[in-house]
Amino acid sequence: MVGLTLDTAGALAAAREMGAAGWAATELLLAMRIGMAEGAATRREGETT
């Protein structure tokens, strides 16, 4: 996940506003980072083909 940035404080605040707390908020942030990494990998694959 090198080169990916995520406003962690902002994302955590958004997760809490949606009602997530504790581990649920952490899981939401992790899912966001995984999604960002997968999207970046897909874009890189498209550039090389």
N, C-alpha and C. Protein backbone atom coordinates (compact mmCIF):
# COMPACT_ATOMS: atom_id res chain seq x y z
N MET A 1 0.82 -1.19 0.00
CA MET A 1 0.00 0.00 0.00
C MET A 1 0.87 1.25 0.00
N VAL A 2 2.03 1.14 -0.55
CA VAL A 2 2.94 2.27 -0.61
C VAL A 2 2.37 3.32 -1.54
N GLY A 3 2.46 4.57 -1.13
CA GLY A 3 2.00 5.66 -1.96
C GLY A 3 0.53 6.00 -1.81
N LEU A 4 -0.20 5.21 -1.05
CA LEU A 4 -1.61 5.50 -0.83
C LEU A 4 -1.75 6.36 0.40
N THR A 5 -2.60 7.36 0.31
CA THR A 5 -2.83 8.20 1.47
C THR A 5 -4.30 8.16 1.84
N LEU A 6 -4.55 8.21 3.11
CA LEU A 6 -5.91 8.21 3.62
C LEU A 6 -5.94 9.14 4.82
N ASP A 7 -6.82 10.10 4.79
CA ASP A 7 -6.98 11.00 5.93
C ASP A 7 -7.60 10.18 7.06
N THR A 8 -6.74 9.56 7.86
CA THR A 8 -7.19 8.63 8.88
C THR A 8 -8.12 9.30 9.89
N ALA A 9 -7.74 10.49 10.34
CA ALA A 9 -8.59 11.18 11.32
C ALA A 9 -9.95 11.51 10.73
N GLY A 10 -9.95 11.99 9.49
CA GLY A 10 -11.22 12.31 8.83
C GLY A 10 -12.06 11.07 8.57
N ALA A 11 -11.40 9.99 8.15
CA ALA A 11 -12.12 8.75 7.89
C ALA A 11 -12.69 8.17 9.18
N LEU A 12 -11.93 8.26 10.26
CA LEU A 12 -12.42 7.76 11.55
C LEU A 12 -13.61 8.59 12.02
N ALA A 13 -13.53 9.90 11.84
CA ALA A 13 -14.65 10.76 12.21
C ALA A 13 -15.89 10.41 11.39
N ALA A 14 -15.70 10.16 10.09
CA ALA A 14 -16.83 9.79 9.23
C ALA A 14 -17.42 8.45 9.68
N ALA A 15 -16.54 7.50 10.03
CA ALA A 15 -17.02 6.19 10.50
C ALA A 15 -17.85 6.35 11.77
N ARG A 16 -17.40 7.20 12.65
CA ARG A 16 -18.14 7.41 13.90
C ARG A 16 -19.47 8.12 13.64
N GLU A 17 -19.47 9.04 12.68
CA GLU A 17 -20.73 9.72 12.34
C GLU A 17 -21.74 8.73 11.77
N MET A 18 -21.24 7.68 11.10
CA MET A 18 -22.13 6.66 10.56
C MET A 18 -22.54 5.64 11.62
N GLY A 19 -22.05 5.82 12.84
CA GLY A 19 -22.46 4.96 13.93
C GLY A 19 -21.47 3.87 14.28
N ALA A 20 -20.35 3.80 13.59
CA ALA A 20 -19.35 2.78 13.90
C ALA A 20 -18.51 3.23 15.08
N ALA A 21 -18.20 2.28 15.94
CA ALA A 21 -17.36 2.60 17.11
C ALA A 21 -16.39 1.46 17.34
N GLY A 22 -15.27 1.77 17.95
CA GLY A 22 -14.30 0.75 18.33
C GLY A 22 -13.81 -0.06 17.14
N TRP A 23 -13.92 -1.39 17.26
CA TRP A 23 -13.43 -2.30 16.22
C TRP A 23 -14.16 -2.11 14.91
N ALA A 24 -15.44 -1.75 14.96
CA ALA A 24 -16.19 -1.56 13.72
C ALA A 24 -15.61 -0.41 12.91
N ALA A 25 -15.22 0.67 13.58
CA ALA A 25 -14.59 1.79 12.89
C ALA A 25 -13.25 1.38 12.31
N THR A 26 -12.50 0.58 13.04
CA THR A 26 -11.21 0.10 12.57
C THR A 26 -11.39 -0.77 11.34
N GLU A 27 -12.38 -1.66 11.37
CA GLU A 27 -12.65 -2.53 10.23
C GLU A 27 -13.05 -1.71 9.00
N LEU A 28 -13.81 -0.65 9.20
CA LEU A 28 -14.22 0.21 8.09
C LEU A 28 -13.00 0.89 7.48
N LEU A 29 -12.10 1.39 8.31
CA LEU A 29 -10.88 2.02 7.79
C LEU A 29 -10.03 1.02 7.04
N LEU A 30 -9.91 -0.19 7.56
CA LEU A 30 -9.13 -1.23 6.88
C LEU A 30 -9.74 -1.56 5.52
N ALA A 31 -11.06 -1.67 5.48
CA ALA A 31 -11.73 -1.96 4.21
C ALA A 31 -11.49 -0.84 3.20
N MET A 32 -11.48 0.40 3.65
CA MET A 32 -11.22 1.52 2.76
C MET A 32 -9.80 1.43 2.21
N ARG A 33 -8.83 1.13 3.06
CA ARG A 33 -7.43 1.03 2.60
C ARG A 33 -7.26 -0.13 1.63
N ILE A 34 -7.91 -1.25 1.89
CA ILE A 34 -7.81 -2.40 0.99
C ILE A 34 -8.42 -2.03 -0.37
N GLY A 35 -9.55 -1.36 -0.34
CA GLY A 35 -10.19 -0.92 -1.58
C GLY A 35 -9.30 0.04 -2.36
N MET A 36 -8.64 0.95 -1.65
CA MET A 36 -7.73 1.88 -2.32
C MET A 36 -6.57 1.13 -2.95
N ALA A 37 -6.02 0.14 -2.23
CA ALA A 37 -4.89 -0.64 -2.75
C ALA A 37 -5.30 -1.44 -3.97
N GLU A 38 -6.49 -2.05 -3.93
CA GLU A 38 -6.96 -2.83 -5.07
C GLU A 38 -7.21 -1.93 -6.28
N GLY A 39 -7.76 -0.77 -6.04
CA GLY A 39 -7.99 0.18 -7.14
C GLY A 39 -6.68 0.63 -7.77
N ALA A 40 -5.68 0.91 -6.93
CA ALA A 40 -4.38 1.33 -7.44
C ALA A 40 -3.73 0.21 -8.24
N ALA A 41 -3.84 -1.02 -7.76
CA ALA A 41 -3.26 -2.16 -8.47
C ALA A 41 -3.94 -2.35 -9.82
N THR A 42 -5.26 -2.18 -9.87
CA THR A 42 -6.00 -2.31 -11.12
C THR A 42 -5.56 -1.24 -12.11
N ARG A 43 -5.38 -0.01 -11.62
CA ARG A 43 -4.94 1.06 -12.51
C ARG A 43 -3.53 0.79 -13.05
N ARG A 44 -2.65 0.29 -12.18
CA ARG A 44 -1.28 -0.04 -12.63
C ARG A 44 -1.29 -1.14 -13.68
N GLU A 45 -2.13 -2.14 -13.51
CA GLU A 45 -2.24 -3.22 -14.50
C GLU A 45 -2.71 -2.66 -15.84
N GLY A 46 -3.63 -1.73 -15.82
CA GLY A 46 -4.14 -1.14 -17.04
C GLY A 46 -3.09 -0.31 -17.77
N GLU A 47 -2.15 0.27 -17.03
CA GLU A 47 -1.11 1.09 -17.63
C GLU A 47 -0.06 0.23 -18.34
N THR A 48 0.17 -0.98 -17.86
CA THR A 48 1.24 -1.81 -18.41
C THR A 48 0.78 -2.68 -19.57
N THR A 49 -0.53 -2.83 -19.76
CA THR A 49 -1.00 -3.72 -20.83
C THR A 49 -1.29 -2.94 -22.08
